[in-house]
Amino acid sequence: MLLAGCVANVELKGPAEMQPRERAAFVLMLYNNADTNYRVQFEETSKPLSEDMKTYFRKYKSTLEGAAPVIRLYVDTVTLGAKPSPEAEENMVRLIYKLQALLSGGKHGS
């Protein structure tokens, strides 16, 4: 009950409405969750992997590997107090949705 009362006073923002520091923290959390999810799923999946599972894990890993340097640059920019370009902001919002899709079992490499 206390938790519900606290949550009622919080304004929920979508990625596009977040400030750069909020977006940076959010995308780091999503990336770390997606990475942990990948590792756990891979460990718990029966071996040998089927071709479908090999493709799934390759796409998942490829998405994570492609996201890491983009996230790192964005977070470093924000941490230094610089303002990310509108293009960097747009890319980060798209990346957030891509990571959310990974975590929800949606499309993986689009």
PDB file of N, CA and C in Angstrom:
ATOM      1  N   MET A   1       0.819  -1.176   0.000  1.00  0.00           N
ATOM      2  CA  MET A   1       0.000   0.000   0.000  1.00  0.00           C
ATOM      3  C   MET A   1       0.866   1.244   0.000  1.00  0.00           C
ATOM      4  N   LEU A   2       1.912   1.285   0.775  1.00  0.00           N
ATOM      5  CA  LEU A   2       2.801   2.430   0.814  1.00  0.00           C
ATOM      6  C   LEU A   2       3.456   2.645  -0.546  1.00  0.00           C
ATOM      7  N   LEU A   3       3.857   1.583  -1.183  1.00  0.00           N
ATOM      8  CA  LEU A   3       4.485   1.676  -2.497  1.00  0.00           C
ATOM      9  C   LEU A   3       3.532   2.297  -3.507  1.00  0.00           C
ATOM     10  N   ALA A   4       2.286   1.866  -3.513  1.00  0.00           N
ATOM     11  CA  ALA A   4       1.311   2.418  -4.455  1.00  0.00           C
ATOM     12  C   ALA A   4       1.114   3.903  -4.213  1.00  0.00           C
ATOM     13  N   GLY A   5       1.110   4.328  -2.958  1.00  0.00           N
ATOM     14  CA  GLY A   5       0.967   5.738  -2.643  1.00  0.00           C
ATOM     15  C   GLY A   5       2.144   6.551  -3.126  1.00  0.00           C
ATOM     16  N   CYS A   6       3.330   6.000  -3.022  1.00  0.00           N
ATOM     17  CA  CYS A   6       4.527   6.699  -3.494  1.00  0.00           C
ATOM     18  C   CYS A   6       4.528   6.802  -5.003  1.00  0.00           C
ATOM     19  N   VAL A   7       4.156   5.755  -5.662  1.00  0.00           N
ATOM     20  CA  VAL A   7       4.172   5.729  -7.118  1.00  0.00           C
ATOM     21  C   VAL A   7       3.153   6.707  -7.693  1.00  0.00           C
ATOM     22  N   ALA A   8       2.057   6.913  -7.022  1.00  0.00           N
ATOM     23  CA  ALA A   8       1.016   7.804  -7.528  1.00  0.00           C
ATOM     24  C   ALA A   8       1.514   9.234  -7.692  1.00  0.00           C
ATOM     25  N   ASN A   9       2.541   9.635  -6.946  1.00  0.00           N
ATOM     26  CA  ASN A   9       3.062  10.987  -7.028  1.00  0.00           C
ATOM     27  C   ASN A   9       4.228  11.136  -8.011  1.00  0.00           C
ATOM     28  N   VAL A  10       4.610  10.077  -8.685  1.00  0.00           N
ATOM     29  CA  VAL A  10       5.729  10.104  -9.611  1.00  0.00           C
ATOM     30  C   VAL A  10       5.215  10.323 -11.022  1.00  0.00           C
ATOM     31  N   GLU A  11       5.830  11.275 -11.722  1.00  0.00           N
ATOM     32  CA  GLU A  11       5.473  11.511 -13.120  1.00  0.00           C
ATOM     33  C   GLU A  11       6.290  10.572 -13.988  1.00  0.00           C
ATOM     34  N   LEU A  12       5.620   9.686 -14.697  1.00  0.00           N
ATOM     35  CA  LEU A  12       6.309   8.767 -15.585  1.00  0.00           C
ATOM     36  C   LEU A  12       6.606   9.448 -16.905  1.00  0.00           C
ATOM     37  N   LYS A  13       7.819   9.284 -17.380  1.00  0.00           N
ATOM     38  CA  LYS A  13       8.238   9.902 -18.631  1.00  0.00           C
ATOM     39  C   LYS A  13       8.626   8.810 -19.621  1.00  0.00           C
ATOM     40  N   GLY A  14       8.334   9.046 -20.879  1.00  0.00           N
ATOM     41  CA  GLY A  14       8.837   8.193 -21.930  1.00  0.00           C
ATOM     42  C   GLY A  14      10.254   8.621 -22.257  1.00  0.00           C
ATOM     43  N   PRO A  15      11.016   7.798 -22.950  1.00  0.00           N
ATOM     44  CA  PRO A  15      12.406   8.133 -23.276  1.00  0.00           C
ATOM     45  C   PRO A  15      12.566   9.502 -23.950  1.00  0.00           C
ATOM     46  N   ALA A  16      11.637   9.871 -24.815  1.00  0.00           N
ATOM     47  CA  ALA A  16      11.752  11.145 -25.520  1.00  0.00           C
ATOM     48  C   ALA A  16      11.552  12.341 -24.594  1.00  0.00           C
ATOM     49  N   GLU A  17      10.863  12.144 -23.476  1.00  0.00           N
ATOM     50  CA  GLU A  17      10.607  13.243 -22.542  1.00  0.00           C
ATOM     51  C   GLU A  17      11.675  13.355 -21.459  1.00  0.00           C
ATOM     52  N   MET A  18      12.562  12.389 -21.367  1.00  0.00           N
ATOM     53  CA  MET A  18      13.586  12.394 -20.326  1.00  0.00           C
ATOM     54  C   MET A  18      14.667  13.432 -20.627  1.00  0.00           C
ATOM     55  N   GLN A  19      15.270  13.918 -19.567  1.00  0.00           N
ATOM     56  CA  GLN A  19      16.450  14.767 -19.704  1.00  0.00           C
ATOM     57  C   GLN A  19      17.633  13.859 -20.048  1.00  0.00           C
ATOM     58  N   PRO A  20      18.699  14.405 -20.642  1.00  0.00           N
ATOM     59  CA  PRO A  20      19.832  13.557 -21.033  1.00  0.00           C
ATOM     60  C   PRO A  20      20.391  12.671 -19.917  1.00  0.00           C
ATOM     61  N   ARG A  21      20.529  13.209 -18.705  1.00  0.00           N
ATOM     62  CA  ARG A  21      21.064  12.383 -17.606  1.00  0.00           C
ATOM     63  C   ARG A  21      20.106  11.250 -17.234  1.00  0.00           C
ATOM     64  N   GLU A  22      18.815  11.527 -17.258  1.00  0.00           N
ATOM     65  CA  GLU A  22      17.819  10.484 -16.987  1.00  0.00           C
ATOM     66  C   GLU A  22      17.881   9.412 -18.073  1.00  0.00           C
ATOM     67  N   ARG A  23      17.976   9.859 -19.313  1.00  0.00           N
ATOM     68  CA  ARG A  23      18.032   8.932 -20.441  1.00  0.00           C
ATOM     69  C   ARG A  23      19.292   8.076 -20.366  1.00  0.00           C
ATOM     70  N   ALA A  24      20.418   8.691 -19.998  1.00  0.00           N
ATOM     71  CA  ALA A  24      21.675   7.950 -19.886  1.00  0.00           C
ATOM     72  C   ALA A  24      21.567   6.859 -18.823  1.00  0.00           C
ATOM     73  N   ALA A  25      21.028   7.216 -17.662  1.00  0.00           N
ATOM     74  CA  ALA A  25      20.876   6.228 -16.583  1.00  0.00           C
ATOM     75  C   ALA A  25      19.917   5.118 -16.997  1.00  0.00           C
ATOM     76  N   PHE A  26      18.833   5.501 -17.666  1.00  0.00           N
ATOM     77  CA  PHE A  26      17.830   4.526 -18.085  1.00  0.00           C
ATOM     78  C   PHE A  26      18.396   3.558 -19.115  1.00  0.00           C
ATOM     79  N   VAL A  27      19.123   4.071 -20.101  1.00  0.00           N
ATOM     80  CA  VAL A  27      19.660   3.197 -21.142  1.00  0.00           C
ATOM     81  C   VAL A  27      20.753   2.284 -20.575  1.00  0.00           C
ATOM     82  N   LEU A  28      21.529   2.777 -19.613  1.00  0.00           N
ATOM     83  CA  LEU A  28      22.518   1.906 -18.967  1.00  0.00           C
ATOM     84  C   LEU A  28      21.837   0.764 -18.223  1.00  0.00           C
ATOM     85  N   MET A  29      20.759   1.088 -17.511  1.00  0.00           N
ATOM     86  CA  MET A  29      20.010   0.056 -16.792  1.00  0.00           C
ATOM     87  C   MET A  29      19.454  -0.982 -17.786  1.00  0.00           C
ATOM     88  N   LEU A  30      18.865  -0.501 -18.882  1.00  0.00           N
ATOM     89  CA  LEU A  30      18.315  -1.422 -19.874  1.00  0.00           C
ATOM     90  C   LEU A  30      19.406  -2.298 -20.482  1.00  0.00           C
ATOM     91  N   TYR A  31      20.527  -1.684 -20.827  1.00  0.00           N
ATOM     92  CA  TYR A  31      21.629  -2.441 -21.426  1.00  0.00           C
ATOM     93  C   TYR A  31      22.110  -3.520 -20.461  1.00  0.00           C
ATOM     94  N   ASN A  32      22.328  -3.144 -19.207  1.00  0.00           N
ATOM     95  CA  ASN A  32      22.793  -4.128 -18.226  1.00  0.00           C
ATOM     96  C   ASN A  32      21.781  -5.250 -18.027  1.00  0.00           C
ATOM     97  N   ASN A  33      20.502  -4.904 -18.005  1.00  0.00           N
ATOM     98  CA  ASN A  33      19.463  -5.935 -17.886  1.00  0.00           C
ATOM     99  C   ASN A  33      19.451  -6.849 -19.106  1.00  0.00           C
ATOM    100  N   ALA A  34      19.584  -6.259 -20.298  1.00  0.00           N
ATOM    101  CA  ALA A  34      19.598  -7.067 -21.526  1.00  0.00           C
ATOM    102  C   ALA A  34      20.814  -7.977 -21.559  1.00  0.00           C
ATOM    103  N   ASP A  35      21.970  -7.468 -21.125  1.00  0.00           N
ATOM    104  CA  ASP A  35      23.187  -8.277 -21.093  1.00  0.00           C
ATOM    105  C   ASP A  35      23.039  -9.438 -20.113  1.00  0.00           C
ATOM    106  N   THR A  36      22.518  -9.161 -18.932  1.00  0.00           N
ATOM    107  CA  THR A  36      22.290 -10.224 -17.945  1.00  0.00           C
ATOM    108  C   THR A  36      21.300 -11.251 -18.485  1.00  0.00           C
ATOM    109  N   ASN A  37      20.235 -10.764 -19.107  1.00  0.00           N
ATOM    110  CA  ASN A  37      19.229 -11.645 -19.684  1.00  0.00           C
ATOM    111  C   ASN A  37      19.851 -12.567 -20.744  1.00  0.00           C
ATOM    112  N   TYR A  38      20.688 -11.997 -21.594  1.00  0.00           N
ATOM    113  CA  TYR A  38      21.369 -12.782 -22.634  1.00  0.00           C
ATOM    114  C   TYR A  38      22.202 -13.890 -21.989  1.00  0.00           C
ATOM    115  N   ARG A  39      23.001 -13.532 -21.013  1.00  0.00           N
ATOM    116  CA  ARG A  39      23.891 -14.511 -20.370  1.00  0.00           C
ATOM    117  C   ARG A  39      23.104 -15.627 -19.680  1.00  0.00           C
ATOM    118  N   VAL A  40      22.032 -15.261 -18.981  1.00  0.00           N
ATOM    119  CA  VAL A  40      21.216 -16.256 -18.278  1.00  0.00           C
ATOM    120  C   VAL A  40      20.522 -17.175 -19.286  1.00  0.00           C
ATOM    121  N   GLN A  41      19.922 -16.575 -20.316  1.00  0.00           N
ATOM    122  CA  GLN A  41      19.236 -17.395 -21.326  1.00  0.00           C
ATOM    123  C   GLN A  41      20.205 -18.358 -21.998  1.00  0.00           C
ATOM    124  N   PHE A  42      21.391 -17.851 -22.355  1.00  0.00           N
ATOM    125  CA  PHE A  42      22.371 -18.703 -23.037  1.00  0.00           C
ATOM    126  C   PHE A  42      22.792 -19.855 -22.133  1.00  0.00           C
ATOM    127  N   GLU A  43      23.040 -19.550 -20.877  1.00  0.00           N
ATOM    128  CA  GLU A  43      23.461 -20.573 -19.919  1.00  0.00           C
ATOM    129  C   GLU A  43      22.375 -21.628 -19.699  1.00  0.00           C
ATOM    130  N   GLU A  44      21.118 -21.200 -19.681  1.00  0.00           N
ATOM    131  CA  GLU A  44      20.018 -22.112 -19.359  1.00  0.00           C
ATOM    132  C   GLU A  44      19.439 -22.836 -20.574  1.00  0.00           C
ATOM    133  N   THR A  45      19.881 -22.479 -21.768  1.00  0.00           N
ATOM    134  CA  THR A  45      19.359 -23.128 -22.970  1.00  0.00           C
ATOM    135  C   THR A  45      20.097 -24.438 -23.207  1.00  0.00           C
ATOM    136  N   SER A  46      19.322 -25.481 -23.502  1.00  0.00           N
ATOM    137  CA  SER A  46      19.900 -26.800 -23.743  1.00  0.00           C
ATOM    138  C   SER A  46      20.882 -26.753 -24.899  1.00  0.00           C
ATOM    139  N   LYS A  47      21.968 -27.478 -24.732  1.00  0.00           N
ATOM    140  CA  LYS A  47      22.982 -27.586 -25.772  1.00  0.00           C
ATOM    141  C   LYS A  47      22.911 -28.996 -26.343  1.00  0.00           C
ATOM    142  N   PRO A  48      23.199 -29.240 -27.575  1.00  0.00           N
ATOM    143  CA  PRO A  48      23.600 -28.268 -28.586  1.00  0.00           C
ATOM    144  C   PRO A  48      22.419 -27.391 -29.005  1.00  0.00           C
ATOM    145  N   LEU A  49      22.744 -26.173 -29.414  1.00  0.00           N
ATOM    146  CA  LEU A  49      21.713 -25.219 -29.819  1.00  0.00           C
ATOM    147  C   LEU A  49      21.163 -25.558 -31.203  1.00  0.00           C
ATOM    148  N   SER A  50      19.871 -25.370 -31.356  1.00  0.00           N
ATOM    149  CA  SER A  50      19.262 -25.516 -32.679  1.00  0.00           C
ATOM    150  C   SER A  50      19.711 -24.329 -33.527  1.00  0.00           C
ATOM    151  N   GLU A  51      19.517 -24.412 -34.832  1.00  0.00           N
ATOM    152  CA  GLU A  51      19.889 -23.307 -35.721  1.00  0.00           C
ATOM    153  C   GLU A  51      19.092 -22.049 -35.384  1.00  0.00           C
ATOM    154  N   ASP A  52      17.812 -22.211 -35.043  1.00  0.00           N
ATOM    155  CA  ASP A  52      16.998 -21.057 -34.662  1.00  0.00           C
ATOM    156  C   ASP A  52      17.557 -20.371 -33.413  1.00  0.00           C
ATOM    157  N   MET A  53      17.968 -21.173 -32.440  1.00  0.00           N
ATOM    158  CA  MET A  53      18.523 -20.594 -31.214  1.00  0.00           C
ATOM    159  C   MET A  53      19.879 -19.950 -31.476  1.00  0.00           C
ATOM    160  N   LYS A  54      20.679 -20.559 -32.348  1.00  0.00           N
ATOM    161  CA  LYS A  54      21.965 -19.945 -32.703  1.00  0.00           C
ATOM    162  C   LYS A  54      21.727 -18.574 -33.331  1.00  0.00           C
ATOM    163  N   THR A  55      20.768 -18.499 -34.235  1.00  0.00           N
ATOM    164  CA  THR A  55      20.436 -17.224 -34.881  1.00  0.00           C
ATOM    165  C   THR A  55      19.945 -16.215 -33.859  1.00  0.00           C
ATOM    166  N   TYR A  56      19.065 -16.651 -32.969  1.00  0.00           N
ATOM    167  CA  TYR A  56      18.532 -15.784 -31.915  1.00  0.00           C
ATOM    168  C   TYR A  56      19.663 -15.189 -31.081  1.00  0.00           C
ATOM    169  N   PHE A  57      20.565 -16.058 -30.599  1.00  0.00           N
ATOM    170  CA  PHE A  57      21.646 -15.574 -29.737  1.00  0.00           C
ATOM    171  C   PHE A  57      22.638 -14.707 -30.505  1.00  0.00           C
ATOM    172  N   ARG A  58      22.896 -15.013 -31.777  1.00  0.00           N
ATOM    173  CA  ARG A  58      23.786 -14.162 -32.590  1.00  0.00           C
ATOM    174  C   ARG A  58      23.210 -12.764 -32.745  1.00  0.00           C
ATOM    175  N   LYS A  59      21.910 -12.685 -33.053  1.00  0.00           N
ATOM    176  CA  LYS A  59      21.269 -11.375 -33.233  1.00  0.00           C
ATOM    177  C   LYS A  59      21.245 -10.595 -31.921  1.00  0.00           C
ATOM    178  N   TYR A  60      20.943 -11.288 -30.849  1.00  0.00           N
ATOM    179  CA  TYR A  60      20.896 -10.654 -29.528  1.00  0.00           C
ATOM    180  C   TYR A  60      22.283 -10.086 -29.200  1.00  0.00           C
ATOM    181  N   LYS A  61      23.311 -10.917 -29.347  1.00  0.00           N
ATOM    182  CA  LYS A  61      24.678 -10.486 -29.034  1.00  0.00           C
ATOM    183  C   LYS A  61      25.111  -9.346 -29.949  1.00  0.00           C
ATOM    184  N   SER A  62      24.767  -9.429 -31.219  1.00  0.00           N
ATOM    185  CA  SER A  62      25.118  -8.386 -32.170  1.00  0.00           C
ATOM    186  C   SER A  62      24.482  -7.044 -31.780  1.00  0.00           C
ATOM    187  N   THR A  63      23.235  -7.082 -31.336  1.00  0.00           N
ATOM    188  CA  THR A  63      22.552  -5.865 -30.889  1.00  0.00           C
ATOM    189  C   THR A  63      23.266  -5.276 -29.682  1.00  0.00           C
ATOM    190  N   LEU A  64      23.636  -6.113 -28.723  1.00  0.00           N
ATOM    191  CA  LEU A  64      24.345  -5.632 -27.537  1.00  0.00           C
ATOM    192  C   LEU A  64      25.708  -5.053 -27.902  1.00  0.00           C
ATOM    193  N   GLU A  65      26.437  -5.751 -28.769  1.00  0.00           N
ATOM    194  CA  GLU A  65      27.764  -5.271 -29.164  1.00  0.00           C
ATOM    195  C   GLU A  65      27.682  -3.952 -29.929  1.00  0.00           C
ATOM    196  N   GLY A  66      26.655  -3.797 -30.754  1.00  0.00           N
ATOM    197  CA  GLY A  66      26.485  -2.551 -31.492  1.00  0.00           C
ATOM    198  C   GLY A  66      26.051  -1.400 -30.598  1.00  0.00           C
ATOM    199  N   ALA A  67      25.307  -1.720 -29.547  1.00  0.00           N
ATOM    200  CA  ALA A  67      24.792  -0.687 -28.649  1.00  0.00           C
ATOM    201  C   ALA A  67      25.862  -0.158 -27.696  1.00  0.00           C
ATOM    202  N   ALA A  68      26.784  -0.995 -27.295  1.00  0.00           N
ATOM    203  CA  ALA A  68      27.749  -0.621 -26.252  1.00  0.00           C
ATOM    204  C   ALA A  68      28.524   0.661 -26.562  1.00  0.00           C
ATOM    205  N   PRO A  69      29.165   0.797 -27.733  1.00  0.00           N
ATOM    206  CA  PRO A  69      29.930   2.031 -27.969  1.00  0.00           C
ATOM    207  C   PRO A  69      29.040   3.272 -28.094  1.00  0.00           C
ATOM    208  N   VAL A  70      27.839   3.109 -28.616  1.00  0.00           N
ATOM    209  CA  VAL A  70      26.906   4.234 -28.751  1.00  0.00           C
ATOM    210  C   VAL A  70      26.484   4.719 -27.361  1.00  0.00           C
ATOM    211  N   ILE A  71      26.175   3.779 -26.490  1.00  0.00           N
ATOM    212  CA  ILE A  71      25.785   4.121 -25.120  1.00  0.00           C
ATOM    213  C   ILE A  71      26.954   4.769 -24.392  1.00  0.00           C
ATOM    214  N   ARG A  72      28.137   4.182 -24.546  1.00  0.00           N
ATOM    215  CA  ARG A  72      29.323   4.708 -23.871  1.00  0.00           C
ATOM    216  C   ARG A  72      29.580   6.163 -24.270  1.00  0.00           C
ATOM    217  N   LEU A  73      29.497   6.460 -25.565  1.00  0.00           N
ATOM    218  CA  LEU A  73      29.715   7.829 -26.054  1.00  0.00           C
ATOM    219  C   LEU A  73      28.656   8.776 -25.494  1.00  0.00           C
ATOM    220  N   TYR A  74      27.411   8.363 -25.513  1.00  0.00           N
ATOM    221  CA  TYR A  74      26.319   9.193 -25.007  1.00  0.00           C
ATOM    222  C   TYR A  74      26.504   9.478 -23.517  1.00  0.00           C
ATOM    223  N   VAL A  75      26.769   8.434 -22.748  1.00  0.00           N
ATOM    224  CA  VAL A  75      26.938   8.588 -21.298  1.00  0.00           C
ATOM    225  C   VAL A  75      28.145   9.478 -20.996  1.00  0.00           C
ATOM    226  N   ASP A  76      29.249   9.275 -21.710  1.00  0.00           N
ATOM    227  CA  ASP A  76      30.433  10.118 -21.502  1.00  0.00           C
ATOM    228  C   ASP A  76      30.127  11.578 -21.816  1.00  0.00           C
ATOM    229  N   THR A  77      29.408  11.828 -22.892  1.00  0.00           N
ATOM    230  CA  THR A  77      29.037  13.184 -23.274  1.00  0.00           C
ATOM    231  C   THR A  77      28.219  13.842 -22.176  1.00  0.00           C
ATOM    232  N   VAL A  78      27.209  13.142 -21.692  1.00  0.00           N
ATOM    233  CA  VAL A  78      26.328  13.680 -20.650  1.00  0.00           C
ATOM    234  C   VAL A  78      27.094  13.865 -19.338  1.00  0.00           C
ATOM    235  N   THR A  79      27.942  12.899 -18.998  1.00  0.00           N
ATOM    236  CA  THR A  79      28.709  12.966 -17.755  1.00  0.00           C
ATOM    237  C   THR A  79      29.646  14.170 -17.740  1.00  0.00           C
ATOM    238  N   LEU A  80      30.196  14.506 -18.895  1.00  0.00           N
ATOM    239  CA  LEU A  80      31.094  15.664 -18.988  1.00  0.00           C
ATOM    240  C   LEU A  80      30.347  16.990 -18.989  1.00  0.00           C
ATOM    241  N   GLY A  81      29.027  16.919 -18.983  1.00  0.00           N
ATOM    242  CA  GLY A  81      28.223  18.130 -18.948  1.00  0.00           C
ATOM    243  C   GLY A  81      27.937  18.731 -20.313  1.00  0.00           C
ATOM    244  N   ALA A  82      28.324  18.016 -21.354  1.00  0.00           N
ATOM    245  CA  ALA A  82      28.055  18.497 -22.713  1.00  0.00           C
ATOM    246  C   ALA A  82      26.626  18.134 -23.103  1.00  0.00           C
ATOM    247  N   LYS A  83      26.107  18.849 -24.071  1.00  0.00           N
ATOM    248  CA  LYS A  83      24.749  18.588 -24.551  1.00  0.00           C
ATOM    249  C   LYS A  83      24.837  17.698 -25.795  1.00  0.00           C
ATOM    250  N   PRO A  84      24.234  16.511 -25.742  1.00  0.00           N
ATOM    251  CA  PRO A  84      24.238  15.642 -26.922  1.00  0.00           C
ATOM    252  C   PRO A  84      23.511  16.316 -28.088  1.00  0.00           C
ATOM    253  N   SER A  85      23.940  16.003 -29.294  1.00  0.00           N
ATOM    254  CA  SER A  85      23.289  16.554 -30.480  1.00  0.00           C
ATOM    255  C   SER A  85      21.873  16.001 -30.592  1.00  0.00           C
ATOM    256  N   PRO A  86      21.002  16.696 -31.329  1.00  0.00           N
ATOM    257  CA  PRO A  86      19.653  16.159 -31.545  1.00  0.00           C
ATOM    258  C   PRO A  86      19.696  14.756 -32.163  1.00  0.00           C
ATOM    259  N   GLU A  87      20.658  14.512 -33.054  1.00  0.00           N
ATOM    260  CA  GLU A  87      20.788  13.184 -33.662  1.00  0.00           C
ATOM    261  C   GLU A  87      21.157  12.139 -32.602  1.00  0.00           C
ATOM    262  N   ALA A  88      22.071  12.484 -31.695  1.00  0.00           N
ATOM    263  CA  ALA A  88      22.451  11.548 -30.624  1.00  0.00           C
ATOM    264  C   ALA A  88      21.260  11.269 -29.714  1.00  0.00           C
ATOM    265  N   GLU A  89      20.474  12.311 -29.431  1.00  0.00           N
ATOM    266  CA  GLU A  89      19.285  12.123 -28.603  1.00  0.00           C
ATOM    267  C   GLU A  89      18.297  11.175 -29.281  1.00  0.00           C
ATOM    268  N   GLU A  90      18.071  11.398 -30.567  1.00  0.00           N
ATOM    269  CA  GLU A  90      17.147  10.549 -31.333  1.00  0.00           C
ATOM    270  C   GLU A  90      17.654   9.111 -31.390  1.00  0.00           C
ATOM    271  N   ASN A  91      18.945   8.944 -31.608  1.00  0.00           N
ATOM    272  CA  ASN A  91      19.530   7.594 -31.643  1.00  0.00           C
ATOM    273  C   ASN A  91      19.383   6.892 -30.302  1.00  0.00           C
ATOM    274  N   MET A  92      19.539   7.644 -29.218  1.00  0.00           N
ATOM    275  CA  MET A  92      19.429   7.039 -27.893  1.00  0.00           C
ATOM    276  C   MET A  92      17.995   6.593 -27.624  1.00  0.00           C
ATOM    277  N   VAL A  93      17.021   7.382 -28.026  1.00  0.00           N
ATOM    278  CA  VAL A  93      15.621   6.993 -27.846  1.00  0.00           C
ATOM    279  C   VAL A  93      15.335   5.715 -28.633  1.00  0.00           C
ATOM    280  N   ARG A  94      15.814   5.651 -29.882  1.00  0.00           N
ATOM    281  CA  ARG A  94      15.615   4.427 -30.680  1.00  0.00           C
ATOM    282  C   ARG A  94      16.296   3.232 -30.027  1.00  0.00           C
ATOM    283  N   LEU A  95      17.487   3.448 -29.490  1.00  0.00           N
ATOM    284  CA  LEU A  95      18.218   2.368 -28.839  1.00  0.00           C
ATOM    285  C   LEU A  95      17.490   1.882 -27.584  1.00  0.00           C
ATOM    286  N   ILE A  96      16.895   2.795 -26.855  1.00  0.00           N
ATOM    287  CA  ILE A  96      16.115   2.402 -25.675  1.00  0.00           C
ATOM    288  C   ILE A  96      14.982   1.467 -26.090  1.00  0.00           C
ATOM    289  N   TYR A  97      14.273   1.832 -27.146  1.00  0.00           N
ATOM    290  CA  TYR A  97      13.171   0.978 -27.597  1.00  0.00           C
ATOM    291  C   TYR A  97      13.681  -0.367 -28.106  1.00  0.00           C
ATOM    292  N   LYS A  98      14.834  -0.375 -28.738  1.00  0.00           N
ATOM    293  CA  LYS A  98      15.420  -1.623 -29.226  1.00  0.00           C
ATOM    294  C   LYS A  98      15.784  -2.535 -28.050  1.00  0.00           C
ATOM    295  N   LEU A  99      16.386  -1.971 -27.013  1.00  0.00           N
ATOM    296  CA  LEU A  99      16.734  -2.774 -25.832  1.00  0.00           C
ATOM    297  C   LEU A  99      15.480  -3.271 -25.113  1.00  0.00           C
ATOM    298  N   GLN A 100      14.457  -2.426 -25.059  1.00  0.00           N
ATOM    299  CA  GLN A 100      13.204  -2.863 -24.445  1.00  0.00           C
ATOM    300  C   GLN A 100      12.605  -4.030 -25.232  1.00  0.00           C
ATOM    301  N   ALA A 101      12.718  -3.991 -26.552  1.00  0.00           N
ATOM    302  CA  ALA A 101      12.218  -5.096 -27.378  1.00  0.00           C
ATOM    303  C   ALA A 101      12.997  -6.375 -27.099  1.00  0.00           C
ATOM    304  N   LEU A 102      14.316  -6.258 -26.920  1.00  0.00           N
ATOM    305  CA  LEU A 102      15.123  -7.432 -26.581  1.00  0.00           C
ATOM    306  C   LEU A 102      14.618  -8.052 -25.280  1.00  0.00           C
ATOM    307  N   LEU A 103      14.405  -7.212 -24.301  1.00  0.00           N
ATOM    308  CA  LEU A 103      13.995  -7.704 -22.989  1.00  0.00           C
ATOM    309  C   LEU A 103      12.578  -8.284 -22.987  1.00  0.00           C
ATOM    310  N   SER A 104      11.752  -7.821 -23.912  1.00  0.00           N
ATOM    311  CA  SER A 104      10.382  -8.334 -23.949  1.00  0.00           C
ATOM    312  C   SER A 104      10.211  -9.466 -24.959  1.00  0.00           C
ATOM    313  N   GLY A 105      11.316  -9.859 -25.599  1.00  0.00           N
ATOM    314  CA  GLY A 105      11.259 -10.957 -26.549  1.00  0.00           C
ATOM    315  C   GLY A 105      10.828 -10.507 -27.947  1.00  0.00           C
ATOM    316  N   GLY A 106      10.899  -9.217 -28.209  1.00  0.00           N
ATOM    317  CA  GLY A 106      10.511  -8.682 -29.523  1.00  0.00           C
ATOM    318  C   GLY A 106      11.627  -8.808 -30.527  1.00  0.00           C
ATOM    319  N   LYS A 107      11.593  -7.947 -31.557  1.00  0.00           N
ATOM    320  CA  LYS A 107      12.581  -7.984 -32.625  1.00  0.00           C
ATOM    321  C   LYS A 107      13.960  -7.703 -32.078  1.00  0.00           C
ATOM    322  N   HIS A 108      14.960  -8.376 -32.644  1.00  0.00           N
ATOM    323  CA  HIS A 108      16.327  -8.253 -32.128  1.00  0.00           C
ATOM    324  C   HIS A 108      17.283  -7.620 -33.083  1.00  0.00           C
ATOM    325  N   GLY A 109      17.414  -7.152 -33.951  1.00  0.00           N
ATOM    326  CA  GLY A 109      18.505  -6.616 -34.708  1.00  0.00           C
ATOM    327  C   GLY A 109      18.024  -5.622 -35.691  1.00  0.00           C
ATOM    328  N   SER A 110      16.854  -5.062 -35.488  1.00  0.00           N
ATOM    329  CA  SER A 110      16.351  -4.113 -36.471  1.00  0.00           C
ATOM    330  C   SER A 110      16.875  -2.733 -36.225  1.00  0.00           C
TER     331      SER A 110
END
